[in-house]
Amino acid sequence: MSSHDLFPRFKARYDINNQEFSISGIVRPHSIDELASSLQLFKDAISGERGVLYVNIRRLKQMNNTAFQALSRLIIDTCRTRADLKFVIITSSVVGWASRKFARLSQIESNITVKEYDSEFYPGQSFLEEGGFIPILRTQTKMTWRHEREILPRHGMRPGIVMADICCGIGDFAVLAKKAFEPSRIVALDHSQSSLAYARRVAADFDIKGIEYVYGDASEMLLDGEQFDLVTCRHSLQIFNRPELILNELYRICKPGGRVYITNEKNSHCLGEPRAASIQWTYNEVAKLFKHFDMDVELGPKSRRYLLEAGFEDIKIESFMVTNRDGDPQDFADVIAAWENVYAGEMAVKRGDSPEFIKRFRQGFQDHIYSALHAKGYAGWPIWVASGRRPR
């Protein structure tokens, strides 16, 4: 890989292994001369490739017309002289102007394709972010918070720190952390506009200050590196098809000596009594269902390996069981009912499961609810907690 520092505010890189030319930062030159080294790097990439050359602009915050015209001219001219080379321009909905602007190129030349990376990278988003799921997300956080409040100080949480909550969802965890531990600053980032809108309303309704809700792609965050003492990412790596990319970003924004804290599940270990066999069968099938959509709800015990491979040290890992005895058993039952509606509803139907399978699949969730509400029953949902320190 080679790279050129073109100007203090932007960079261009060419990764020969991935056939990818990338530009990041703020590209606003006064004249074309300021782009000479980056354009030469792009020309070198073009001359050395056949087939497909990826142009990655996911981290391109701003680009003026001088830069856009120079880059697009080079791409179009190449298409007209090189039938053996196609361009795939990778944008992000986080910087929506780029998708709109570069889409014009695909209308001019058939060998140019523009893809918004987010839609492929977040396979579970459409299932989980709809507004109707919000009450259940709040209930889940309420149930896990009873445990996490005691666990967090062992993983780097303390008053006065600068904290980021990545994949913050509806923002309820950030609010609880703010109230309980009083970090000096919290940046809460998520890829769902609807979830962030809800989070901002809640913060305004409760007059909660000190939480900055930011729209962003967790795999390509527009956040400066090495600025947070604690970075949290809860129940999220398991719904991304390449969790290592998220972990690389969590590592980047964490201060040396700071910690990254993650929580994930192993859904096949959900349990209940009575009717244990039916419950066990269904949650084994849940794991297979998520795998079909490139998600891994078995990730929990793998957390230590993922953190080590991302470069963290001093790994701490523990687990806890959320149960029907954590407060009102009806809360537990409501969570399971919501899972049934999503997993045995939209997801199973989209996979193409038969009515007979879906009927048995639903029965396991209903039996889990039965065990949660039974006077002598017990129902559990296991969570793995892990954190790692970024080396100093």
Protein backbone atom coordinates (compact mmCIF):
# COMPACT_ATOMS: atom_id res chain seq x y z
CA MET A 1 0.00 0.00 0.00
CA SER A 2 1.21 3.50 -0.79
CA SER A 3 -0.13 6.82 0.42
CA HIS A 4 0.41 10.51 -0.21
CA ASP A 5 -0.31 13.29 2.26
CA LEU A 6 -1.74 15.77 -0.20
CA PHE A 7 -2.81 18.59 2.04
CA PRO A 8 -3.16 18.82 5.82
CA ARG A 9 -6.87 18.03 5.60
CA PHE A 10 -7.07 15.09 3.21
CA LYS A 11 -5.30 11.92 2.11
CA ALA A 12 -5.26 9.66 -0.91
CA ARG A 13 -4.25 6.00 -0.77
CA TYR A 14 -3.88 3.14 -3.19
CA ASP A 15 -4.20 -0.41 -1.88
CA ILE A 16 -2.95 -2.73 -4.59
CA ASN A 17 -4.16 -5.86 -2.74
CA ASN A 18 -7.78 -4.69 -2.70
CA GLN A 19 -7.58 -2.84 -6.04
CA GLU A 20 -8.79 0.24 -4.20
CA PHE A 21 -8.01 3.94 -4.51
CA SER A 22 -9.41 5.97 -1.61
CA ILE A 23 -9.75 9.62 -0.69
CA SER A 24 -10.65 10.81 2.79
CA GLY A 25 -11.06 14.11 4.61
CA ILE A 26 -11.82 17.57 3.20
CA VAL A 27 -10.71 18.07 -0.41
CA ARG A 28 -11.05 21.76 -1.29
CA PRO A 29 -8.06 22.83 -3.38
CA HIS A 30 -7.74 26.39 -4.69
CA SER A 31 -6.19 25.11 -7.90
CA ILE A 32 -5.69 21.85 -9.72
CA ASP A 33 -1.97 21.97 -8.90
CA GLU A 34 -2.70 21.07 -5.29
CA LEU A 35 -4.10 17.74 -6.52
CA ALA A 36 -1.11 16.79 -8.65
CA SER A 37 0.25 14.09 -6.35
CA SER A 38 -3.16 12.52 -5.69
CA LEU A 39 -4.10 12.49 -9.36
CA GLN A 40 -0.77 10.88 -10.20
CA LEU A 41 -1.40 8.22 -7.57
CA PHE A 42 -4.82 7.58 -9.11
CA LYS A 43 -3.26 7.35 -12.60
CA ASP A 44 -0.75 4.83 -11.28
CA ALA A 45 -3.62 2.77 -9.86
CA ILE A 46 -5.47 2.90 -13.18
CA SER A 47 -2.44 1.89 -15.21
CA GLY A 48 -1.74 -1.11 -12.97
CA GLU A 49 -5.23 -2.58 -12.83
CA ARG A 50 -7.49 -4.68 -15.06
CA GLY A 51 -11.06 -5.69 -14.38
CA VAL A 52 -12.36 -3.50 -11.54
CA LEU A 53 -10.84 -0.55 -9.70
CA TYR A 54 -12.66 0.48 -6.54
CA VAL A 55 -12.78 4.18 -5.68
CA ASN A 56 -13.54 4.46 -1.96
CA ILE A 57 -14.94 7.84 -0.85
CA ARG A 58 -16.74 6.69 2.30
CA ARG A 59 -14.66 9.06 4.43
CA LEU A 60 -14.79 12.01 2.06
CA LYS A 61 -16.32 14.76 4.20
CA GLN A 62 -16.22 17.57 1.63
CA MET A 63 -15.10 18.05 -1.98
CA ASN A 64 -15.31 21.24 -4.03
CA ASN A 65 -16.01 21.40 -7.75
CA THR A 66 -12.34 21.79 -8.69
CA ALA A 67 -11.54 18.43 -7.12
CA PHE A 68 -14.72 16.70 -8.31
CA GLN A 69 -14.21 17.76 -11.92
CA ALA A 70 -10.55 16.67 -11.94
CA LEU A 71 -11.37 13.25 -10.48
CA SER A 72 -14.46 12.62 -12.58
CA ARG A 73 -12.70 13.72 -15.77
CA LEU A 74 -9.98 11.17 -15.19
CA ILE A 75 -12.51 8.39 -14.55
CA ILE A 76 -14.61 9.22 -17.62
CA ASP A 77 -11.60 9.59 -19.92
CA THR A 78 -10.31 6.21 -18.76
CA CYS A 79 -13.67 4.55 -19.45
CA ARG A 80 -13.55 5.87 -22.99
CA THR A 81 -10.07 4.50 -23.68
CA ARG A 82 -9.98 1.35 -21.52
CA ALA A 83 -12.74 -1.16 -22.19
CA ASP A 84 -10.94 -3.63 -19.89
CA LEU A 85 -11.42 -1.54 -16.75
CA LYS A 86 -14.55 -0.79 -14.75
CA PHE A 87 -14.90 1.61 -11.82
CA VAL A 88 -16.95 0.94 -8.69
CA ILE A 89 -17.32 4.11 -6.61
CA ILE A 90 -18.14 3.27 -3.00
CA THR A 91 -20.02 5.95 -1.07
CA SER A 92 -21.85 6.07 2.26
CA SER A 93 -25.28 7.38 3.19
CA VAL A 94 -23.49 9.24 6.00
CA VAL A 95 -22.14 11.58 3.31
CA GLY A 96 -25.20 11.50 1.10
CA TRP A 97 -24.08 14.34 -1.15
CA ALA A 98 -21.31 12.07 -2.48
CA SER A 99 -23.80 9.42 -3.61
CA ARG A 100 -25.86 12.02 -5.44
CA LYS A 101 -22.88 13.78 -7.00
CA PHE A 102 -21.01 10.71 -8.20
CA ALA A 103 -24.20 9.02 -9.41
CA ARG A 104 -24.06 11.41 -12.36
CA LEU A 105 -20.95 9.59 -13.59
CA SER A 106 -22.79 6.27 -13.83
CA GLN A 107 -25.36 7.98 -16.04
CA ILE A 108 -22.60 9.09 -18.42
CA GLU A 109 -20.59 5.86 -18.65
CA SER A 110 -21.86 2.28 -18.29
CA ASN A 111 -18.49 1.12 -16.88
CA ILE A 112 -19.03 3.27 -13.76
CA THR A 113 -21.10 1.91 -10.86
CA VAL A 114 -21.91 3.77 -7.64
CA LYS A 115 -22.70 1.72 -4.56
CA GLU A 116 -23.74 2.86 -1.10
CA TYR A 117 -21.69 0.52 1.08
CA ASP A 118 -24.01 0.76 4.06
CA SER A 119 -26.89 -1.21 2.58
CA GLU A 120 -24.67 -4.27 2.08
CA PHE A 121 -22.77 -3.93 5.32
CA TYR A 122 -25.79 -3.71 7.64
CA PRO A 123 -27.85 -6.76 6.67
CA GLY A 124 -29.95 -6.74 9.84
CA GLN A 125 -30.82 -3.08 9.94
CA SER A 126 -34.13 -3.33 8.10
CA PHE A 127 -35.32 -6.01 10.54
CA LEU A 128 -34.37 -4.25 13.75
CA GLU A 129 -34.60 -0.47 13.43
CA GLU A 130 -38.29 0.06 12.80
CA GLY A 131 -40.07 2.30 15.27
CA GLY A 132 -42.28 -0.48 16.61
CA PHE A 133 -39.23 -2.23 18.00
CA ILE A 134 -38.22 0.77 20.15
CA PRO A 135 -40.21 -0.17 23.31
CA ILE A 136 -38.59 -3.60 23.27
CA LEU A 137 -35.12 -2.12 22.88
CA ARG A 138 -35.80 0.04 25.93
CA THR A 139 -37.01 -2.98 27.89
CA GLN A 140 -33.92 -4.96 26.90
CA THR A 141 -31.63 -2.15 28.08
CA LYS A 142 -33.54 -1.86 31.36
CA MET A 143 -32.99 -5.57 31.99
CA THR A 144 -29.30 -5.63 31.06
CA TRP A 145 -28.52 -2.35 32.85
CA ARG A 146 -29.11 -3.95 36.25
CA HIS A 147 -26.05 -6.07 35.53
CA GLU A 148 -23.97 -3.69 33.44
CA ARG A 149 -24.07 -0.90 36.00
CA GLU A 150 -22.05 -3.13 38.34
CA ILE A 151 -19.83 -4.49 35.56
CA LEU A 152 -18.84 -1.27 33.75
CA PRO A 153 -16.39 0.09 36.38
CA ARG A 154 -14.33 -3.08 35.97
CA HIS A 155 -13.98 -2.25 32.27
CA GLY A 156 -12.90 1.38 32.39
CA MET A 157 -16.02 3.37 33.29
CA ARG A 158 -15.48 6.20 35.78
CA PRO A 159 -16.66 9.77 36.33
CA GLY A 160 -15.17 12.51 34.19
CA ILE A 161 -14.04 10.39 31.23
CA VAL A 162 -14.63 11.15 27.56
CA MET A 163 -16.79 8.33 26.20
CA ALA A 164 -18.19 7.17 22.85
CA ASP A 165 -21.16 4.84 22.47
CA ILE A 166 -20.96 3.42 18.95
CA CYS A 167 -24.06 1.84 17.40
CA CYS A 168 -25.97 3.62 20.15
CA GLY A 169 -29.40 2.74 18.77
CA ILE A 170 -32.14 4.66 20.54
CA GLY A 171 -29.62 6.19 22.95
CA ASP A 172 -30.98 4.78 26.19
CA PHE A 173 -27.65 3.25 27.28
CA ALA A 174 -25.88 6.58 26.81
CA VAL A 175 -28.53 8.28 28.96
CA LEU A 176 -28.16 5.70 31.75
CA ALA A 177 -24.35 5.96 31.63
CA LYS A 178 -24.59 9.75 31.81
CA LYS A 179 -26.84 9.64 34.86
CA ALA A 180 -24.97 6.91 36.74
CA PHE A 181 -21.31 7.76 36.02
CA GLU A 182 -21.25 11.39 34.83
CA PRO A 183 -18.70 11.22 32.00
CA SER A 184 -17.58 14.71 31.00
CA ARG A 185 -18.64 14.06 27.40
CA ILE A 186 -20.46 11.33 25.47
CA VAL A 187 -20.55 11.00 21.70
CA ALA A 188 -23.30 8.56 20.67
CA LEU A 189 -23.16 7.41 17.04
CA ASP A 190 -25.55 5.31 15.01
CA HIS A 191 -26.40 4.53 11.39
CA SER A 192 -30.18 4.66 11.90
CA GLN A 193 -31.75 8.09 11.40
CA SER A 194 -35.00 7.00 13.05
CA SER A 195 -33.21 5.71 16.16
CA LEU A 196 -31.19 8.92 16.50
CA ALA A 197 -34.31 11.06 16.10
CA TYR A 198 -35.88 9.13 18.96
CA ALA A 199 -32.71 9.48 21.08
CA ARG A 200 -32.61 13.22 20.60
CA ARG A 201 -36.29 13.54 21.58
CA VAL A 202 -35.70 11.58 24.77
CA ALA A 203 -32.66 13.67 25.68
CA ALA A 204 -34.66 16.86 25.08
CA ASP A 205 -37.69 15.60 27.04
CA PHE A 206 -35.53 14.77 30.06
CA ASP A 207 -33.30 17.86 29.62
CA ILE A 208 -30.18 15.68 29.50
CA LYS A 209 -27.03 17.59 28.54
CA GLY A 210 -23.62 16.37 27.47
CA ILE A 211 -24.61 13.70 24.93
CA GLU A 212 -23.79 14.42 21.28
CA TYR A 213 -25.86 12.23 18.97
CA VAL A 214 -24.08 11.73 15.64
CA TYR A 215 -25.18 10.02 12.42
CA GLY A 216 -22.39 7.80 11.13
CA ASP A 217 -21.18 4.53 9.66
CA ALA A 218 -19.48 2.52 12.40
CA SER A 219 -17.10 0.96 9.90
CA GLU A 220 -15.91 4.34 8.55
CA MET A 221 -16.51 6.90 11.30
CA LEU A 222 -15.95 10.57 10.60
CA LEU A 223 -14.48 10.95 14.10
CA ASP A 224 -10.91 11.90 14.92
CA GLY A 225 -8.68 9.15 16.27
CA GLU A 226 -7.37 8.66 19.81
CA GLN A 227 -9.91 10.88 21.59
CA PHE A 228 -11.99 8.61 23.87
CA ASP A 229 -11.11 7.05 27.23
CA LEU A 230 -13.87 4.46 26.86
CA VAL A 231 -15.59 3.25 23.69
CA THR A 232 -18.68 1.07 24.06
CA CYS A 233 -20.40 -1.00 21.37
CA ARG A 234 -23.24 -3.14 22.68
CA HIS A 235 -25.16 -5.96 20.93
CA SER A 236 -23.91 -4.70 17.58
CA LEU A 237 -20.88 -6.61 16.33
CA GLN A 238 -23.13 -9.66 16.09
CA ILE A 239 -25.37 -8.03 13.46
CA PHE A 240 -22.56 -6.90 11.14
CA ASN A 241 -21.21 -9.22 8.50
CA ARG A 242 -17.61 -8.07 9.11
CA PRO A 243 -17.27 -7.20 12.82
CA GLU A 244 -13.50 -6.87 12.50
CA LEU A 245 -14.01 -3.66 10.51
CA ILE A 246 -16.00 -2.16 13.37
CA LEU A 247 -13.36 -3.20 15.89
CA ASN A 248 -10.64 -1.54 13.83
CA GLU A 249 -12.58 1.71 14.04
CA LEU A 250 -13.24 1.32 17.78
CA TYR A 251 -9.49 0.83 18.21
CA ARG A 252 -8.72 3.92 16.10
CA ILE A 253 -10.89 6.35 18.07
CA CYS A 254 -9.84 4.97 21.48
CA LYS A 255 -7.01 6.75 23.28
CA PRO A 256 -3.83 4.72 23.91
CA GLY A 257 -4.38 3.28 27.36
CA GLY A 258 -8.17 3.57 26.97
CA ARG A 259 -10.57 0.65 26.74
CA VAL A 260 -13.13 -0.67 24.28
CA TYR A 261 -16.15 -2.40 25.83
CA ILE A 262 -18.39 -4.75 23.83
CA THR A 263 -21.39 -6.95 24.61
CA ASN A 264 -22.69 -9.77 22.45
CA GLU A 265 -24.86 -12.87 22.75
CA LYS A 266 -24.82 -16.58 22.17
CA ASN A 267 -28.46 -17.05 21.32
CA SER A 268 -28.34 -20.84 21.25
CA HIS A 269 -27.68 -20.70 25.01
CA CYS A 270 -31.04 -19.09 25.77
CA LEU A 271 -32.90 -21.43 28.08
CA GLY A 272 -36.08 -22.07 29.97
CA GLU A 273 -37.90 -24.52 32.18
CA PRO A 274 -40.40 -26.06 31.76
CA ARG A 275 -40.49 -26.99 28.02
CA ALA A 276 -36.71 -26.85 27.73
CA ALA A 277 -36.41 -29.04 24.61
CA SER A 278 -38.69 -26.88 22.49
CA ILE A 279 -36.92 -23.71 23.65
CA GLN A 280 -33.48 -25.17 22.92
CA TRP A 281 -34.50 -26.22 19.41
CA THR A 282 -35.85 -22.78 18.53
CA TYR A 283 -32.77 -20.86 19.68
CA ASN A 284 -30.48 -23.22 17.79
CA GLU A 285 -32.56 -22.31 14.75
CA VAL A 286 -32.28 -18.59 15.59
CA ALA A 287 -28.51 -18.88 15.27
CA LYS A 288 -28.88 -20.56 11.86
CA LEU A 289 -31.38 -17.92 10.74
CA PHE A 290 -29.05 -15.05 11.56
CA LYS A 291 -26.16 -16.84 9.88
CA HIS A 292 -28.26 -16.99 6.71
CA PHE A 293 -28.35 -13.18 6.75
CA ASP A 294 -24.58 -12.91 7.47
CA MET A 295 -25.03 -12.14 11.17
CA ASP A 296 -23.56 -14.05 14.11
CA VAL A 297 -25.67 -14.10 17.27
CA GLU A 298 -23.25 -16.72 18.62
CA LEU A 299 -20.43 -14.13 18.79
CA GLY A 300 -20.38 -13.65 22.58
CA PRO A 301 -17.71 -16.23 23.56
CA LYS A 302 -15.66 -15.25 20.49
CA SER A 303 -15.20 -11.71 21.85
CA ARG A 304 -11.78 -12.36 23.34
CA ARG A 305 -10.41 -13.61 20.03
CA TYR A 306 -11.83 -10.67 18.12
CA LEU A 307 -10.32 -8.17 20.58
CA LEU A 308 -6.90 -9.83 20.48
CA GLU A 309 -6.90 -9.93 16.69
CA ALA A 310 -7.78 -6.22 16.61
CA GLY A 311 -4.63 -5.43 18.64
CA PHE A 312 -6.05 -4.94 22.14
CA GLU A 313 -4.32 -6.12 25.30
CA ASP A 314 -5.36 -6.79 28.92
CA ILE A 315 -8.56 -8.50 27.73
CA LYS A 316 -11.27 -8.85 30.35
CA ILE A 317 -14.29 -11.06 29.69
CA GLU A 318 -17.27 -12.10 31.78
CA SER A 319 -20.88 -13.11 31.25
CA PHE A 320 -24.22 -12.67 32.96
CA MET A 321 -27.69 -14.14 32.57
CA VAL A 322 -30.71 -11.90 32.12
CA THR A 323 -33.68 -13.79 33.58
CA ASN A 324 -37.37 -13.59 34.30
CA ARG A 325 -36.35 -12.93 37.91
CA ASP A 326 -34.78 -9.58 36.93
CA GLY A 327 -37.73 -7.42 37.89
CA ASP A 328 -41.11 -8.00 36.26
CA PRO A 329 -41.31 -11.40 34.45
CA GLN A 330 -43.64 -9.73 31.96
CA ASP A 331 -40.72 -7.60 30.74
CA PHE A 332 -38.84 -10.75 29.84
CA ALA A 333 -41.92 -12.18 28.14
CA ASP A 334 -42.41 -8.97 26.13
CA VAL A 335 -38.84 -9.15 24.81
CA ILE A 336 -39.32 -12.76 23.67
CA ALA A 337 -42.63 -11.89 22.01
CA ALA A 338 -40.87 -9.14 20.04
CA TRP A 339 -38.14 -11.58 18.99
CA GLU A 340 -40.79 -14.02 17.79
CA ASN A 341 -42.49 -11.35 15.69
CA VAL A 342 -39.24 -10.38 13.95
CA TYR A 343 -37.40 -13.71 13.73
CA ALA A 344 -40.34 -16.04 13.01
CA GLY A 345 -42.08 -13.31 11.06
CA GLU A 346 -40.21 -11.14 8.56
CA MET A 347 -36.84 -12.91 8.74
CA ALA A 348 -38.09 -16.49 8.41
CA VAL A 349 -40.48 -15.51 5.63
CA LYS A 350 -37.72 -13.69 3.76
CA ARG A 351 -35.50 -16.77 4.03
CA GLY A 352 -38.32 -18.79 2.47
CA ASP A 353 -39.14 -21.06 5.41
CA SER A 354 -42.17 -23.34 5.16
CA PRO A 355 -45.35 -22.75 7.19
CA GLU A 356 -44.66 -25.99 9.07
CA PHE A 357 -41.18 -24.82 10.09
CA ILE A 358 -42.42 -21.38 11.13
CA LYS A 359 -45.16 -22.94 13.26
CA ARG A 360 -42.59 -25.04 15.18
CA PHE A 361 -40.20 -22.09 15.29
CA ARG A 362 -42.87 -19.89 16.89
CA GLN A 363 -43.75 -22.59 19.41
CA GLY A 364 -40.28 -22.38 20.96
CA PHE A 365 -40.65 -18.64 21.59
CA GLN A 366 -44.11 -19.19 23.04
CA ASP A 367 -42.72 -21.90 25.31
CA HIS A 368 -39.99 -19.49 26.43
CA ILE A 369 -42.68 -16.98 27.34
CA TYR A 370 -44.54 -19.74 29.19
CA SER A 371 -41.44 -20.56 31.23
CA ALA A 372 -40.90 -16.85 32.01
CA LEU A 373 -44.44 -16.39 33.33
CA HIS A 374 -44.83 -19.80 35.01
CA ALA A 375 -45.04 -19.53 38.79
CA LYS A 376 -42.21 -22.04 39.18
CA GLY A 377 -40.50 -21.37 35.84
CA TYR A 378 -37.09 -19.98 34.93
CA ALA A 379 -36.08 -18.31 31.67
CA GLY A 380 -32.65 -16.99 30.74
CA TRP A 381 -30.88 -14.93 28.07
CA PRO A 382 -27.05 -14.94 28.32
CA ILE A 383 -24.84 -11.92 27.55
CA TRP A 384 -21.05 -11.85 27.15
CA VAL A 385 -19.15 -8.73 28.18
CA ALA A 386 -15.59 -8.11 27.06
CA SER A 387 -13.16 -5.21 26.95
CA GLY A 388 -9.61 -4.61 25.82
CA ARG A 389 -7.06 -1.87 26.36
CA ARG A 390 -5.45 -0.10 23.44
CA PRO A 391 -1.67 -0.31 24.00
CA ARG A 392 0.02 2.92 25.07
